[in-house]
Amino acid sequence: MDNIAICSPVRDHVHSEFAWCLNNLTTQLTKDKIQHNVYFENGSILPRQRHTLVQHALENNHTHILWLDSDMAFPRHLLHSLLEHNLSVVGCTYSTRHEPYQSVAFIDQQNLQYRLDAQKGLHQVFALGFGALLCSIEVFQIIPKPWFMFEYDYQNQDFVGEDIYFCSKLKDFDIDIFVDVDTSKQCSHLGTKKIKLEM
């Protein structure tokens, strides 16, 4: 039986729309009698927060982790849609919060400028942002620690996020990552925008 850990690393607050979406999702899971727990981990060091959340999921015998970033909006059926694929790692792509707006689904390990631009269906990718991502707990039992780290990419002269690091480790262990484009269309990355009154 599925037992889901809904895991969110957070800072001092979450977006109100995220809270609304999380309420709708957990209400649906309760209605459908799917076991679940919600875990928030406060902090500012994202790899450490994600490590702690994985430990909570392992210690409480969860079968999956549904990663949800606190700046995401998503449909109430998100988990159902991702579970239906019966895959070890599957999630949704969404836009970056700042220009140039791009997908967070990467298709080429050697060149992170290549992003998924499919319009529908299920697609394998090299890496995917963690805003709305479902992982089987077995993934964290196969892959050794550290699961998450910040790294410096000397080839591109830039830092690589903890999500890209994790996806690189998945590739090392021949664990594939997939994107559900149809469900992705119902997800949004929440941001802030400065609005100036013209006088």
Protein backbone atom coordinates (compact mmCIF):
# COMPACT_ATOMS: atom_id res chain seq x y z
CA MET A 1 0.00 0.00 0.00
CA ASP A 2 1.29 3.44 -0.88
CA ASN A 3 2.36 5.62 2.03
CA ILE A 4 3.42 9.07 0.89
CA ALA A 5 5.77 11.54 2.54
CA ILE A 6 4.97 15.02 1.24
CA CYS A 7 8.22 16.90 1.78
CA SER A 8 8.82 20.64 1.54
CA PRO A 9 11.98 22.54 2.46
CA VAL A 10 10.93 26.02 3.56
CA ARG A 11 12.34 29.33 4.79
CA ASP A 12 10.23 31.59 7.02
CA HIS A 13 6.91 31.32 5.20
CA VAL A 14 5.11 29.67 2.29
CA HIS A 15 3.01 31.18 -0.49
CA SER A 16 -0.69 31.32 0.27
CA GLU A 17 -1.47 29.65 -3.07
CA PHE A 18 0.92 26.81 -2.21
CA ALA A 19 -0.92 26.35 1.11
CA TRP A 20 -4.24 26.27 -0.74
CA CYS A 21 -2.98 23.68 -3.24
CA LEU A 22 -1.48 21.54 -0.47
CA ASN A 23 -4.78 21.63 1.40
CA ASN A 24 -6.66 20.50 -1.72
CA LEU A 25 -4.15 17.72 -2.39
CA THR A 26 -4.19 16.32 1.15
CA THR A 27 -7.98 16.58 1.29
CA GLN A 28 -8.15 14.47 -1.87
CA LEU A 29 -5.68 11.93 -0.47
CA THR A 30 -7.69 11.63 2.75
CA LYS A 31 -10.88 11.16 0.74
CA ASP A 32 -9.20 8.43 -1.32
CA LYS A 33 -7.75 6.78 1.82
CA ILE A 34 -4.13 7.17 0.69
CA GLN A 35 -1.79 7.24 3.68
CA HIS A 36 0.34 10.36 3.84
CA ASN A 37 2.21 12.73 6.12
CA VAL A 38 3.37 16.28 5.47
CA TYR A 39 6.88 17.28 6.51
CA PHE A 40 8.26 20.83 6.49
CA GLU A 41 11.93 21.43 7.19
CA ASN A 42 12.85 25.01 8.00
CA GLY A 43 16.27 26.35 7.18
CA SER A 44 18.44 28.06 4.63
CA ILE A 45 20.83 25.25 3.58
CA LEU A 46 18.77 23.40 1.01
CA PRO A 47 20.85 20.19 0.72
CA ARG A 48 20.71 19.77 4.51
CA GLN A 49 16.94 20.35 4.54
CA ARG A 50 16.38 17.75 1.82
CA HIS A 51 18.60 15.22 3.63
CA THR A 52 16.59 15.68 6.82
CA LEU A 53 13.31 15.24 4.95
CA VAL A 54 14.53 11.99 3.38
CA GLN A 55 15.47 10.73 6.85
CA HIS A 56 11.93 11.46 8.08
CA ALA A 57 10.51 9.48 5.16
CA LEU A 58 12.85 6.52 5.76
CA GLU A 59 12.25 6.43 9.51
CA ASN A 60 8.48 6.46 9.05
CA ASN A 61 8.38 3.69 6.44
CA HIS A 62 7.02 5.76 3.58
CA THR A 63 6.97 4.19 0.12
CA HIS A 64 7.38 7.46 -1.80
CA ILE A 65 8.43 11.06 -1.35
CA LEU A 66 6.41 13.73 -3.11
CA TRP A 67 8.71 16.74 -3.23
CA LEU A 68 6.80 20.03 -3.28
CA ASP A 69 8.60 23.36 -3.20
CA SER A 70 6.77 26.03 -1.23
CA ASP A 71 6.67 28.36 -4.25
CA MET A 72 4.65 25.98 -6.42
CA ALA A 73 0.99 25.75 -7.40
CA PHE A 74 -0.32 22.36 -8.50
CA PRO A 75 -3.58 20.41 -9.06
CA ARG A 76 -5.26 18.33 -6.38
CA HIS A 77 -4.75 15.17 -8.47
CA LEU A 78 -0.97 15.72 -8.81
CA LEU A 79 0.02 12.66 -6.79
CA HIS A 80 -2.55 10.41 -8.47
CA SER A 81 -1.28 11.42 -11.92
CA LEU A 82 2.36 10.77 -11.05
CA LEU A 83 1.69 7.49 -9.23
CA GLU A 84 -0.17 6.12 -12.24
CA HIS A 85 3.09 6.01 -14.22
CA ASN A 86 4.56 3.46 -11.77
CA LEU A 87 8.07 4.91 -12.17
CA SER A 88 10.91 5.37 -9.70
CA VAL A 89 11.28 9.09 -10.47
CA VAL A 90 8.67 11.17 -12.28
CA GLY A 91 7.64 14.78 -11.97
CA CYS A 92 6.50 17.98 -13.58
CA THR A 93 8.42 20.68 -15.34
CA TYR A 94 7.64 24.36 -14.87
CA SER A 95 9.11 27.74 -15.68
CA THR A 96 12.03 29.41 -13.98
CA ARG A 97 10.91 32.41 -11.92
CA HIS A 98 13.17 34.90 -13.65
CA GLU A 99 13.90 35.82 -17.24
CA PRO A 100 14.78 34.22 -19.51
CA TYR A 101 11.82 31.98 -18.63
CA GLN A 102 12.76 28.38 -19.34
CA SER A 103 11.72 24.84 -18.51
CA VAL A 104 13.46 23.19 -15.54
CA ALA A 105 13.62 19.85 -17.40
CA PHE A 106 17.11 19.28 -18.78
CA ILE A 107 17.75 16.79 -21.56
CA ASP A 108 21.54 16.87 -22.02
CA GLN A 109 24.02 16.33 -19.18
CA GLN A 110 26.81 17.92 -21.21
CA ASN A 111 24.86 21.07 -22.04
CA LEU A 112 22.30 22.31 -19.52
CA GLN A 113 21.04 24.90 -22.01
CA TYR A 114 19.05 22.16 -23.76
CA ARG A 115 15.60 22.04 -22.14
CA LEU A 116 12.55 19.88 -22.76
CA ASP A 117 10.02 21.64 -25.00
CA ALA A 118 7.52 18.83 -25.60
CA GLN A 119 3.82 19.71 -25.68
CA LYS A 120 2.36 16.48 -24.28
CA GLY A 121 3.14 12.98 -23.09
CA LEU A 122 5.76 11.34 -20.87
CA HIS A 123 9.42 12.07 -21.62
CA GLN A 124 12.72 10.87 -20.23
CA VAL A 125 15.14 13.64 -19.24
CA PHE A 126 18.59 13.95 -17.70
CA ALA A 127 17.51 16.17 -14.81
CA LEU A 128 14.44 17.88 -13.39
CA GLY A 129 13.77 20.56 -10.79
CA PHE A 130 12.31 19.37 -7.49
CA GLY A 131 9.28 21.67 -7.41
CA ALA A 132 6.82 18.80 -8.02
CA LEU A 133 8.61 15.46 -8.12
CA LEU A 134 7.68 11.94 -7.00
CA CYS A 135 10.45 9.52 -5.95
CA SER A 136 10.21 5.94 -4.78
CA ILE A 137 11.85 5.63 -1.36
CA GLU A 138 13.95 2.78 -2.78
CA VAL A 139 15.95 5.35 -4.73
CA PHE A 140 17.38 6.69 -1.47
CA GLN A 141 18.18 3.17 -0.29
CA ILE A 142 20.14 2.46 -3.48
CA ILE A 143 22.05 5.72 -3.80
CA PRO A 144 24.66 6.43 -1.09
CA LYS A 145 24.88 9.72 0.77
CA PRO A 146 25.25 12.56 0.17
CA TRP A 147 22.02 12.60 -1.83
CA PHE A 148 22.14 16.38 -2.27
CA MET A 149 24.97 18.88 -2.66
CA PHE A 150 25.82 22.17 -4.34
CA GLU A 151 28.62 21.75 -6.87
CA TYR A 152 30.64 23.98 -9.15
CA ASP A 153 30.53 23.18 -12.87
CA TYR A 154 33.98 24.13 -14.14
CA GLN A 155 33.02 23.50 -17.76
CA ASN A 156 30.19 26.05 -17.68
CA GLN A 157 31.73 28.24 -14.95
CA ASP A 158 28.58 28.14 -12.87
CA PHE A 159 27.12 26.55 -9.76
CA VAL A 160 24.88 23.49 -10.06
CA GLY A 161 21.89 23.08 -7.77
CA GLU A 162 21.30 20.20 -5.39
CA ASP A 163 18.57 18.88 -7.71
CA ILE A 164 20.97 18.56 -10.67
CA TYR A 165 23.50 16.87 -8.36
CA PHE A 166 20.87 14.32 -7.29
CA CYS A 167 19.84 13.64 -10.88
CA SER A 168 23.49 13.05 -11.85
CA LYS A 169 23.70 10.41 -9.14
CA LEU A 170 20.53 8.76 -10.47
CA LYS A 171 22.18 8.49 -13.87
CA ASP A 172 25.23 6.86 -12.27
CA PHE A 173 22.94 4.14 -10.92
CA ASP A 174 20.92 3.78 -14.16
CA ILE A 175 17.75 5.20 -12.60
CA ASP A 176 15.73 7.10 -15.19
CA ILE A 177 13.88 10.38 -14.69
CA PHE A 178 10.64 11.19 -16.48
CA VAL A 179 8.50 14.29 -16.99
CA ASP A 180 4.70 14.18 -17.21
CA VAL A 181 4.10 17.10 -19.58
CA ASP A 182 0.30 16.93 -19.42
CA THR A 183 0.25 17.33 -15.63
CA SER A 184 3.03 19.93 -15.90
CA LYS A 185 0.64 22.21 -17.75
CA GLN A 186 -1.37 22.51 -14.53
CA CYS A 187 1.61 23.52 -12.38
CA SER A 188 3.00 27.02 -11.84
CA HIS A 189 6.10 28.51 -10.26
CA LEU A 190 5.05 31.30 -7.91
CA GLY A 191 7.11 34.47 -7.81
CA THR A 192 7.01 38.09 -6.83
CA LYS A 193 6.82 41.10 -9.08
CA LYS A 194 7.46 44.72 -8.34
CA ILE A 195 4.49 46.90 -9.33
CA LYS A 196 4.97 50.64 -9.59
CA LEU A 197 2.12 53.13 -9.66
CA GLU A 198 2.56 55.38 -12.68
CA MET A 199 1.85 58.99 -11.64
